[in-house]
Amino acid sequence: MLDPSLLAELIDEVEASPPQAPGDNLKRLQDLGNEAIQLEQEIDDLELEASRKKMRLQSLLNRDMVDLLDECEVPDITIRNRQFLVSTYCKASIKTDSSTAEEAYNWLEDNDAGDLIKRDVIVSFPKEFQDEAEALVTFVKERYQMADVLLKRGVPWARLTSWVKEQRKLGEVLPLELLGASVGRIVTIKKVKSK
């Protein structure tokens, strides 16, 4: 996805100096722009319809058919070479950012299920402290042999994108694929607010 600030900057550049196109090309650009707008609207409509259909399907499978199969006292039914079988569904996930997460963990511990809880310790070091990061990993591995210790490296996507843009401006040749970077040109659509 394109960085919103870069997108705004590109739009400002295009609006500040619109290209001059001969009459035929300008008409063709308008036709292509109108087609793009129409396709964008059709895609939005299809995505909305798909979302509604998925919700209806879930309602059928999770409630309506379960209730009716129970009412008919049959465990399954086959329709058009598809078997509709009632089975038990279970999914549990404590949302770590919820206000009740600590309460849920405490409940598990109070109810002899504390062994389900995994404890992750994450320590972030600035890039210039590589030696210290490695020393801490070595210490933790030696001191806490029961712990699974990993030293992960990562680069925030915004920082990497900014650096790639900067290096390209300087004329540097970069291994774009290796860096997971793509550079190119694209026409984007921006809805214009009515005045």
C-alpha atoms as a PDB file:
ATOM      1  CA  MET A   1       0.000   0.000   0.000  1.00  0.00           C
ATOM      2  CA  LEU A   2       1.272   3.456  -0.843  1.00  0.00           C
ATOM      3  CA  ASP A   3       2.218   5.707   2.064  1.00  0.00           C
ATOM      4  CA  PRO A   4      -0.626   8.292   2.447  1.00  0.00           C
ATOM      5  CA  SER A   5       1.823  11.205   2.785  1.00  0.00           C
ATOM      6  CA  LEU A   6       3.614  10.132  -0.430  1.00  0.00           C
ATOM      7  CA  LEU A   7       0.261   9.806  -2.178  1.00  0.00           C
ATOM      8  CA  ALA A   8      -0.780  13.294  -1.084  1.00  0.00           C
ATOM      9  CA  GLU A   9       2.580  14.650  -2.240  1.00  0.00           C
ATOM     10  CA  LEU A  10       2.191  13.023  -5.671  1.00  0.00           C
ATOM     11  CA  ILE A  11      -1.374  14.320  -6.034  1.00  0.00           C
ATOM     12  CA  ASP A  12      -0.234  17.834  -5.119  1.00  0.00           C
ATOM     13  CA  GLU A  13       2.512  17.641  -7.768  1.00  0.00           C
ATOM     14  CA  VAL A  14       0.091  16.487 -10.452  1.00  0.00           C
ATOM     15  CA  GLU A  15      -2.506  19.117  -9.535  1.00  0.00           C
ATOM     16  CA  ALA A  16       0.129  21.868  -9.497  1.00  0.00           C
ATOM     17  CA  SER A  17       1.267  21.116 -13.037  1.00  0.00           C
ATOM     18  CA  PRO A  18      -1.392  19.236 -15.005  1.00  0.00           C
ATOM     19  CA  PRO A  19      -0.005  17.697 -18.191  1.00  0.00           C
ATOM     20  CA  GLN A  20      -1.033  19.239 -21.463  1.00  0.00           C
ATOM     21  CA  ALA A  21      -2.444  16.581 -23.770  1.00  0.00           C
ATOM     22  CA  PRO A  22      -3.572  16.966 -27.355  1.00  0.00           C
ATOM     23  CA  GLY A  23      -7.364  16.863 -27.809  1.00  0.00           C
ATOM     24  CA  ASP A  24      -7.586  13.174 -28.761  1.00  0.00           C
ATOM     25  CA  ASN A  25      -5.372  12.086 -25.883  1.00  0.00           C
ATOM     26  CA  LEU A  26      -7.280  14.272 -23.432  1.00  0.00           C
ATOM     27  CA  LYS A  27     -10.569  12.700 -24.559  1.00  0.00           C
ATOM     28  CA  ARG A  28      -9.006   9.225 -24.247  1.00  0.00           C
ATOM     29  CA  LEU A  29      -7.766  10.069 -20.726  1.00  0.00           C
ATOM     30  CA  GLN A  30     -11.245  11.243 -19.766  1.00  0.00           C
ATOM     31  CA  ASP A  31     -12.755   8.031 -21.148  1.00  0.00           C
ATOM     32  CA  LEU A  32     -10.221   5.904 -19.256  1.00  0.00           C
ATOM     33  CA  GLY A  33     -10.807   7.925 -16.080  1.00  0.00           C
ATOM     34  CA  ASN A  34     -14.572   7.460 -16.399  1.00  0.00           C
ATOM     35  CA  GLU A  35     -14.107   3.732 -16.967  1.00  0.00           C
ATOM     36  CA  ALA A  36     -11.876   3.526 -13.876  1.00  0.00           C
ATOM     37  CA  ILE A  37     -14.485   5.366 -11.789  1.00  0.00           C
ATOM     38  CA  GLN A  38     -17.210   3.007 -13.036  1.00  0.00           C
ATOM     39  CA  LEU A  39     -15.093  -0.072 -12.277  1.00  0.00           C
ATOM     40  CA  GLU A  40     -14.263   1.262  -8.828  1.00  0.00           C
ATOM     41  CA  GLN A  41     -17.986   1.705  -8.100  1.00  0.00           C
ATOM     42  CA  GLU A  42     -18.837  -1.753  -9.437  1.00  0.00           C
ATOM     43  CA  ILE A  43     -16.097  -3.321  -7.284  1.00  0.00           C
ATOM     44  CA  ASP A  44     -17.401  -1.476  -4.208  1.00  0.00           C
ATOM     45  CA  ASP A  45     -20.928  -2.723  -4.970  1.00  0.00           C
ATOM     46  CA  LEU A  46     -19.724  -6.313  -5.490  1.00  0.00           C
ATOM     47  CA  GLU A  47     -17.706  -6.262  -2.253  1.00  0.00           C
ATOM     48  CA  LEU A  48     -20.748  -5.015  -0.352  1.00  0.00           C
ATOM     49  CA  GLU A  49     -22.925  -7.711  -1.925  1.00  0.00           C
ATOM     50  CA  ALA A  50     -20.293 -10.394  -1.135  1.00  0.00           C
ATOM     51  CA  SER A  51     -20.178  -9.205   2.465  1.00  0.00           C
ATOM     52  CA  ARG A  52     -23.969  -9.432   2.753  1.00  0.00           C
ATOM     53  CA  LYS A  53     -23.981 -12.913   1.226  1.00  0.00           C
ATOM     54  CA  LYS A  54     -21.254 -14.099   3.637  1.00  0.00           C
ATOM     55  CA  MET A  55     -23.277 -12.782   6.577  1.00  0.00           C
ATOM     56  CA  ARG A  56     -26.409 -14.555   5.313  1.00  0.00           C
ATOM     57  CA  LEU A  57     -24.457 -17.790   4.794  1.00  0.00           C
ATOM     58  CA  GLN A  58     -23.120 -17.607   8.350  1.00  0.00           C
ATOM     59  CA  SER A  59     -26.659 -17.007   9.625  1.00  0.00           C
ATOM     60  CA  LEU A  60     -27.915 -20.040   7.702  1.00  0.00           C
ATOM     61  CA  LEU A  61     -25.125 -22.333   8.867  1.00  0.00           C
ATOM     62  CA  ASN A  62     -24.763 -21.105  12.451  1.00  0.00           C
ATOM     63  CA  ARG A  63     -28.374 -20.603  13.398  1.00  0.00           C
ATOM     64  CA  ASP A  64     -31.210 -21.311  10.952  1.00  0.00           C
ATOM     65  CA  MET A  65     -30.159 -24.771   9.747  1.00  0.00           C
ATOM     66  CA  VAL A  66     -28.933 -25.852  13.194  1.00  0.00           C
ATOM     67  CA  ASP A  67     -32.299 -24.929  14.711  1.00  0.00           C
ATOM     68  CA  LEU A  68     -34.288 -26.657  11.966  1.00  0.00           C
ATOM     69  CA  LEU A  69     -32.152 -29.831  12.017  1.00  0.00           C
ATOM     70  CA  ASP A  70     -32.615 -29.951  15.795  1.00  0.00           C
ATOM     71  CA  GLU A  71     -36.341 -29.386  15.403  1.00  0.00           C
ATOM     72  CA  CYS A  72     -36.536 -32.219  12.857  1.00  0.00           C
ATOM     73  CA  GLU A  73     -34.382 -34.358  15.159  1.00  0.00           C
ATOM     74  CA  VAL A  74     -31.953 -35.286  12.384  1.00  0.00           C
ATOM     75  CA  PRO A  75     -28.177 -34.834  12.617  1.00  0.00           C
ATOM     76  CA  ASP A  76     -27.677 -34.081   8.917  1.00  0.00           C
ATOM     77  CA  ILE A  77     -29.255 -33.659   5.497  1.00  0.00           C
ATOM     78  CA  THR A  78     -27.835 -34.028   1.988  1.00  0.00           C
ATOM     79  CA  ILE A  79     -28.815 -31.552  -0.688  1.00  0.00           C
ATOM     80  CA  ARG A  80     -27.327 -31.463  -4.208  1.00  0.00           C
ATOM     81  CA  ASN A  81     -24.414 -33.666  -3.246  1.00  0.00           C
ATOM     82  CA  ARG A  82     -23.588 -31.650  -0.178  1.00  0.00           C
ATOM     83  CA  GLN A  83     -24.018 -32.928   3.321  1.00  0.00           C
ATOM     84  CA  PHE A  84     -25.148 -30.482   5.943  1.00  0.00           C
ATOM     85  CA  LEU A  85     -24.041 -31.957   9.246  1.00  0.00           C
ATOM     86  CA  VAL A  86     -24.476 -30.375  12.653  1.00  0.00           C
ATOM     87  CA  SER A  87     -21.215 -30.453  14.588  1.00  0.00           C
ATOM     88  CA  THR A  88     -19.739 -28.675  17.566  1.00  0.00           C
ATOM     89  CA  TYR A  89     -17.769 -25.514  16.942  1.00  0.00           C
ATOM     90  CA  CYS A  90     -15.407 -23.989  19.459  1.00  0.00           C
ATOM     91  CA  LYS A  91     -12.975 -21.102  19.242  1.00  0.00           C
ATOM     92  CA  ALA A  92     -11.411 -19.189  22.114  1.00  0.00           C
ATOM     93  CA  SER A  93      -9.061 -16.233  21.967  1.00  0.00           C
ATOM     94  CA  ILE A  94      -8.274 -13.720  24.693  1.00  0.00           C
ATOM     95  CA  LYS A  95      -7.777 -10.355  23.081  1.00  0.00           C
ATOM     96  CA  THR A  96      -4.579  -9.072  24.657  1.00  0.00           C
ATOM     97  CA  ASP A  97      -5.583  -5.450  24.169  1.00  0.00           C
ATOM     98  CA  SER A  98      -8.990  -5.848  25.826  1.00  0.00           C
ATOM     99  CA  SER A  99      -9.804  -4.433  29.233  1.00  0.00           C
ATOM    100  CA  THR A 100     -10.692  -7.933  30.454  1.00  0.00           C
ATOM    101  CA  ALA A 101      -7.484  -9.708  29.401  1.00  0.00           C
ATOM    102  CA  GLU A 102      -5.878  -9.617  32.868  1.00  0.00           C
ATOM    103  CA  GLU A 103      -9.109 -10.799  34.411  1.00  0.00           C
ATOM    104  CA  ALA A 104      -9.230 -13.715  31.971  1.00  0.00           C
ATOM    105  CA  TYR A 105      -5.617 -14.690  32.723  1.00  0.00           C
ATOM    106  CA  ASN A 106      -6.278 -14.488  36.474  1.00  0.00           C
ATOM    107  CA  TRP A 107      -9.344 -16.692  36.056  1.00  0.00           C
ATOM    108  CA  LEU A 108      -7.326 -19.301  34.192  1.00  0.00           C
ATOM    109  CA  GLU A 109      -4.661 -19.290  36.914  1.00  0.00           C
ATOM    110  CA  ASP A 110      -7.292 -19.461  39.680  1.00  0.00           C
ATOM    111  CA  ASN A 111      -8.925 -22.403  37.916  1.00  0.00           C
ATOM    112  CA  ASP A 112      -5.835 -24.576  37.444  1.00  0.00           C
ATOM    113  CA  ALA A 113      -5.368 -23.594  33.797  1.00  0.00           C
ATOM    114  CA  GLY A 114      -2.460 -21.203  34.261  1.00  0.00           C
ATOM    115  CA  ASP A 115      -0.238 -23.541  32.279  1.00  0.00           C
ATOM    116  CA  LEU A 116      -2.088 -22.397  29.159  1.00  0.00           C
ATOM    117  CA  ILE A 117      -0.591 -18.924  29.498  1.00  0.00           C
ATOM    118  CA  LYS A 118       2.607 -18.215  27.576  1.00  0.00           C
ATOM    119  CA  ARG A 119       4.828 -15.424  28.756  1.00  0.00           C
ATOM    120  CA  ASP A 120       6.752 -13.490  26.146  1.00  0.00           C
ATOM    121  CA  VAL A 121       9.429 -11.027  27.118  1.00  0.00           C
ATOM    122  CA  ILE A 122      10.306  -8.612  24.352  1.00  0.00           C
ATOM    123  CA  VAL A 123      13.213  -6.219  24.624  1.00  0.00           C
ATOM    124  CA  SER A 124      13.911  -3.674  21.897  1.00  0.00           C
ATOM    125  CA  PHE A 125      17.356  -2.232  21.312  1.00  0.00           C
ATOM    126  CA  PRO A 126      18.250   0.665  19.025  1.00  0.00           C
ATOM    127  CA  LYS A 127      20.282  -0.359  15.980  1.00  0.00           C
ATOM    128  CA  GLU A 128      23.588   0.894  17.398  1.00  0.00           C
ATOM    129  CA  PHE A 129      23.349  -1.529  20.375  1.00  0.00           C
ATOM    130  CA  GLN A 130      23.724  -4.845  18.503  1.00  0.00           C
ATOM    131  CA  ASP A 131      26.506  -6.077  20.810  1.00  0.00           C
ATOM    132  CA  GLU A 132      24.409  -5.391  23.915  1.00  0.00           C
ATOM    133  CA  ALA A 133      21.410  -7.191  22.374  1.00  0.00           C
ATOM    134  CA  GLU A 134      23.521 -10.258  21.633  1.00  0.00           C
ATOM    135  CA  ALA A 135      25.030 -10.153  25.161  1.00  0.00           C
ATOM    136  CA  LEU A 136      21.545 -10.112  26.706  1.00  0.00           C
ATOM    137  CA  VAL A 137      20.435 -13.063  24.550  1.00  0.00           C
ATOM    138  CA  THR A 138      23.531 -15.040  25.619  1.00  0.00           C
ATOM    139  CA  PHE A 139      22.929 -14.208  29.295  1.00  0.00           C
ATOM    140  CA  VAL A 140      19.249 -15.183  29.181  1.00  0.00           C
ATOM    141  CA  LYS A 141      20.024 -18.464  27.358  1.00  0.00           C
ATOM    142  CA  GLU A 142      22.615 -19.402  29.961  1.00  0.00           C
ATOM    143  CA  ARG A 143      20.623 -18.251  33.010  1.00  0.00           C
ATOM    144  CA  TYR A 144      17.138 -19.377  31.948  1.00  0.00           C
ATOM    145  CA  GLN A 145      17.698 -22.599  30.014  1.00  0.00           C
ATOM    146  CA  MET A 146      13.979 -23.391  30.066  1.00  0.00           C
ATOM    147  CA  ALA A 147      13.258 -20.288  27.998  1.00  0.00           C
ATOM    148  CA  ASP A 148      13.057 -20.210  24.234  1.00  0.00           C
ATOM    149  CA  VAL A 149      15.204 -17.166  23.430  1.00  0.00           C
ATOM    150  CA  LEU A 150      15.164 -15.550  20.047  1.00  0.00           C
ATOM    151  CA  LEU A 151      16.867 -12.454  18.772  1.00  0.00           C
ATOM    152  CA  LYS A 152      14.693 -11.128  16.007  1.00  0.00           C
ATOM    153  CA  ARG A 153      15.639  -8.291  13.759  1.00  0.00           C
ATOM    154  CA  GLY A 154      13.141  -6.126  11.963  1.00  0.00           C
ATOM    155  CA  VAL A 155      12.843  -2.842  10.161  1.00  0.00           C
ATOM    156  CA  PRO A 156       9.628  -0.828  10.380  1.00  0.00           C
ATOM    157  CA  TRP A 157       8.119  -0.586   6.880  1.00  0.00           C
ATOM    158  CA  ALA A 158       7.783   3.195   6.989  1.00  0.00           C
ATOM    159  CA  ARG A 159      11.439   3.631   7.921  1.00  0.00           C
ATOM    160  CA  LEU A 160      12.580   1.245   5.164  1.00  0.00           C
ATOM    161  CA  THR A 161      10.332   2.928   2.582  1.00  0.00           C
ATOM    162  CA  SER A 162      11.698   6.344   3.495  1.00  0.00           C
ATOM    163  CA  TRP A 163      15.276   5.084   3.238  1.00  0.00           C
ATOM    164  CA  VAL A 164      14.663   3.426  -0.162  1.00  0.00           C
ATOM    165  CA  LYS A 165      13.122   6.671  -1.498  1.00  0.00           C
ATOM    166  CA  GLU A 166      16.094   8.636  -0.199  1.00  0.00           C
ATOM    167  CA  GLN A 167      18.640   6.228  -1.713  1.00  0.00           C
ATOM    168  CA  ARG A 168      16.855   6.257  -5.073  1.00  0.00           C
ATOM    169  CA  LYS A 169      16.924  10.064  -5.115  1.00  0.00           C
ATOM    170  CA  LEU A 170      20.685   9.816  -4.586  1.00  0.00           C
ATOM    171  CA  GLY A 171      20.918   7.479  -7.600  1.00  0.00           C
ATOM    172  CA  GLU A 172      21.799   4.362  -5.596  1.00  0.00           C
ATOM    173  CA  VAL A 173      20.987   0.965  -7.120  1.00  0.00           C
ATOM    174  CA  LEU A 174      19.267  -1.210  -4.528  1.00  0.00           C
ATOM    175  CA  PRO A 175      18.276  -4.903  -4.424  1.00  0.00           C
ATOM    176  CA  LEU A 176      14.565  -4.046  -4.436  1.00  0.00           C
ATOM    177  CA  GLU A 177      13.294  -7.632  -4.394  1.00  0.00           C
ATOM    178  CA  LEU A 178      15.575  -8.558  -1.512  1.00  0.00           C
ATOM    179  CA  LEU A 179      14.360  -5.532   0.407  1.00  0.00           C
ATOM    180  CA  GLY A 180      10.743  -6.359  -0.366  1.00  0.00           C
ATOM    181  CA  ALA A 181      10.496  -3.044  -2.149  1.00  0.00           C
ATOM    182  CA  SER A 182       8.658  -2.119  -5.292  1.00  0.00           C
ATOM    183  CA  VAL A 183       9.096   1.120  -7.134  1.00  0.00           C
ATOM    184  CA  GLY A 184       6.975   2.199 -10.025  1.00  0.00           C
ATOM    185  CA  ARG A 185       4.259   4.484 -11.226  1.00  0.00           C
ATOM    186  CA  ILE A 186       0.544   4.105 -10.777  1.00  0.00           C
ATOM    187  CA  VAL A 187      -2.598   6.072 -11.450  1.00  0.00           C
ATOM    188  CA  THR A 188      -4.694   6.402  -8.302  1.00  0.00           C
ATOM    189  CA  ILE A 189      -8.213   7.668  -7.903  1.00  0.00           C
ATOM    190  CA  LYS A 190      -9.045  10.341  -5.407  1.00  0.00           C
ATOM    191  CA  LYS A 191     -12.604  11.419  -4.835  1.00  0.00           C
ATOM    192  CA  VAL A 192     -12.920  15.155  -5.272  1.00  0.00           C
ATOM    193  CA  LYS A 193     -15.052  16.910  -2.703  1.00  0.00           C
ATOM    194  CA  SER A 194     -17.906  18.920  -4.166  1.00  0.00           C
ATOM    195  CA  LYS A 195     -17.710  22.657  -3.633  1.00  0.00           C
END
